[in-house]
N, C-alpha and C. Protein backbone atom coordinates (compact mmCIF):
# COMPACT_ATOMS: atom_id res chain seq x y z
N MET A 1 104.85 237.98 186.10
CA MET A 1 105.78 238.32 185.04
C MET A 1 105.95 237.12 184.12
N ILE A 2 106.12 237.39 182.83
CA ILE A 2 106.30 236.30 181.89
C ILE A 2 107.66 236.44 181.19
N GLU A 3 108.20 235.30 180.85
CA GLU A 3 109.42 235.25 180.04
C GLU A 3 109.04 234.53 178.75
N MET A 4 109.41 235.12 177.64
CA MET A 4 109.02 234.55 176.36
C MET A 4 110.20 233.87 175.68
N HIS A 5 109.90 232.81 174.93
CA HIS A 5 110.92 232.06 174.22
C HIS A 5 110.46 231.85 172.78
N TRP A 6 111.42 231.87 171.87
CA TRP A 6 111.16 231.63 170.45
C TRP A 6 112.16 230.59 169.97
N ASP A 7 111.64 229.52 169.37
CA ASP A 7 112.49 228.46 168.82
C ASP A 7 112.55 228.63 167.31
N GLU A 8 113.65 229.20 166.85
CA GLU A 8 113.81 229.49 165.43
C GLU A 8 113.74 228.23 164.57
N ALA A 9 114.21 227.11 165.10
CA ALA A 9 114.21 225.85 164.35
C ALA A 9 112.79 225.32 164.12
N VAL A 10 111.86 225.71 164.96
CA VAL A 10 110.48 225.24 164.87
C VAL A 10 109.60 226.23 164.09
N CYS A 11 109.98 227.48 164.09
CA CYS A 11 109.17 228.55 163.50
C CYS A 11 108.93 228.30 162.01
N CYS A 12 107.67 228.45 161.58
CA CYS A 12 107.32 228.29 160.17
C CYS A 12 107.18 229.66 159.48
N HIS A 13 107.44 230.72 160.21
CA HIS A 13 107.44 232.09 159.68
C HIS A 13 106.10 232.48 159.05
N ALA A 14 105.02 232.06 159.69
CA ALA A 14 103.69 232.42 159.21
C ALA A 14 103.39 233.90 159.44
N GLY A 15 104.05 234.51 160.42
CA GLY A 15 103.86 235.93 160.68
C GLY A 15 102.67 236.28 161.53
N VAL A 16 102.01 235.30 162.11
CA VAL A 16 100.83 235.57 162.93
C VAL A 16 101.18 236.50 164.09
N CYS A 17 102.30 236.27 164.73
CA CYS A 17 102.69 237.08 165.89
C CYS A 17 102.97 238.52 165.46
N VAL A 18 103.74 238.70 164.40
CA VAL A 18 104.12 240.04 163.93
C VAL A 18 102.89 240.81 163.46
N GLU A 19 102.00 240.15 162.78
CA GLU A 19 100.78 240.80 162.29
C GLU A 19 99.81 241.11 163.42
N SER A 20 99.73 240.23 164.41
CA SER A 20 98.76 240.40 165.50
C SER A 20 99.21 241.38 166.57
N LEU A 21 100.51 241.44 166.83
CA LEU A 21 101.02 242.26 167.92
C LEU A 21 102.39 242.83 167.54
N PRO A 22 102.41 243.74 166.55
CA PRO A 22 103.69 244.23 166.02
C PRO A 22 104.52 245.04 167.00
N GLN A 23 103.91 245.57 168.04
CA GLN A 23 104.70 246.31 169.03
C GLN A 23 105.50 245.36 169.92
N VAL A 24 105.14 244.10 169.97
CA VAL A 24 105.85 243.10 170.77
C VAL A 24 106.76 242.24 169.89
N PHE A 25 106.22 241.73 168.80
CA PHE A 25 106.94 240.83 167.90
C PHE A 25 107.32 241.61 166.64
N LYS A 26 108.61 241.78 166.39
CA LYS A 26 109.02 242.59 165.25
C LYS A 26 110.33 242.11 164.66
N ILE A 27 110.53 242.49 163.42
CA ILE A 27 111.78 242.23 162.72
C ILE A 27 112.55 243.55 162.70
N GLU A 28 113.73 243.55 163.28
CA GLU A 28 114.59 244.73 163.30
C GLU A 28 115.97 244.33 162.80
N ASP A 29 116.45 245.03 161.80
CA ASP A 29 117.76 244.73 161.21
C ASP A 29 117.90 243.26 160.84
N GLY A 30 116.80 242.70 160.32
CA GLY A 30 116.80 241.31 159.88
C GLY A 30 116.72 240.28 160.99
N GLN A 31 116.56 240.73 162.23
CA GLN A 31 116.49 239.82 163.38
C GLN A 31 115.10 239.89 164.02
N PHE A 32 114.62 238.74 164.47
CA PHE A 32 113.34 238.68 165.18
C PHE A 32 113.56 239.17 166.60
N ARG A 33 112.76 240.11 167.03
CA ARG A 33 112.88 240.69 168.37
C ARG A 33 111.55 240.56 169.10
N ILE A 34 111.64 240.39 170.39
CA ILE A 34 110.45 240.32 171.23
C ILE A 34 110.60 241.33 172.36
N ASP A 35 109.61 242.21 172.51
CA ASP A 35 109.58 243.17 173.61
C ASP A 35 108.39 242.83 174.50
N PRO A 36 108.61 242.02 175.54
CA PRO A 36 107.50 241.57 176.38
C PRO A 36 106.85 242.67 177.22
N HIS A 37 107.42 243.85 177.21
CA HIS A 37 106.87 244.96 178.00
C HIS A 37 105.97 245.87 177.17
N ALA A 38 105.81 245.57 175.88
CA ALA A 38 105.07 246.44 174.98
C ALA A 38 103.58 246.14 174.90
N ALA A 39 103.12 245.15 175.66
CA ALA A 39 101.69 244.81 175.69
C ALA A 39 101.40 244.07 176.99
N SER A 40 100.13 243.90 177.27
CA SER A 40 99.75 243.19 178.49
C SER A 40 100.09 241.70 178.37
N ALA A 41 100.33 241.10 179.50
CA ALA A 41 100.64 239.66 179.53
C ALA A 41 99.48 238.86 178.96
N ASP A 42 98.26 239.27 179.22
CA ASP A 42 97.09 238.55 178.69
C ASP A 42 97.05 238.60 177.17
N ARG A 43 97.35 239.75 176.60
CA ARG A 43 97.33 239.89 175.13
C ARG A 43 98.46 239.08 174.51
N ILE A 44 99.62 239.09 175.14
CA ILE A 44 100.75 238.29 174.64
C ILE A 44 100.41 236.81 174.70
N ARG A 45 99.83 236.35 175.79
CA ARG A 45 99.42 234.94 175.90
C ARG A 45 98.46 234.57 174.77
N GLU A 46 97.52 235.46 174.48
CA GLU A 46 96.54 235.21 173.42
C GLU A 46 97.23 235.02 172.07
N VAL A 47 98.17 235.89 171.74
CA VAL A 47 98.87 235.80 170.46
C VAL A 47 99.77 234.57 170.42
N VAL A 48 100.48 234.30 171.49
CA VAL A 48 101.35 233.12 171.54
C VAL A 48 100.53 231.84 171.33
N SER A 49 99.33 231.80 171.87
CA SER A 49 98.49 230.61 171.71
C SER A 49 98.06 230.40 170.27
N GLN A 50 98.17 231.43 169.42
CA GLN A 50 97.78 231.34 168.02
C GLN A 50 98.95 230.95 167.11
N CYS A 51 100.14 230.80 167.66
CA CYS A 51 101.31 230.46 166.86
C CYS A 51 101.10 229.08 166.22
N PRO A 52 101.06 229.01 164.88
CA PRO A 52 100.73 227.74 164.23
C PRO A 52 101.80 226.66 164.38
N SER A 53 103.04 227.04 164.60
CA SER A 53 104.11 226.04 164.71
C SER A 53 104.45 225.68 166.15
N GLY A 54 104.01 226.51 167.09
CA GLY A 54 104.38 226.28 168.49
C GLY A 54 105.78 226.78 168.80
N ALA A 55 106.34 227.63 167.97
CA ALA A 55 107.69 228.14 168.17
C ALA A 55 107.77 229.13 169.32
N LEU A 56 106.66 229.77 169.64
CA LEU A 56 106.62 230.71 170.76
C LEU A 56 106.09 230.03 172.00
N SER A 57 106.72 230.33 173.12
CA SER A 57 106.25 229.79 174.39
C SER A 57 106.45 230.84 175.48
N ILE A 58 105.73 230.65 176.55
CA ILE A 58 105.78 231.57 177.69
C ILE A 58 106.12 230.78 178.94
N GLU A 59 106.99 231.35 179.72
CA GLU A 59 107.31 230.79 181.03
C GLU A 59 106.85 231.81 182.06
N GLU A 60 105.99 231.38 182.95
CA GLU A 60 105.49 232.28 184.01
C GLU A 60 106.55 232.38 185.10
N LYS A 61 106.87 233.58 185.47
CA LYS A 61 107.87 233.82 186.54
C LYS A 61 107.19 234.33 187.78
């Protein structure tokens, strides 16, 4: 199981996560939301590794 973290202060808002995996990373009511159950852990890891600012991280549980 993975736990995901987003550091808003570090985020450069490039949108790579939202564009790459919109079912997991989305903007709802003006807020950034993450649904870690909407894709496989491997696919989420792949997208998180592409975050240009490093604002997204994963903690393995």
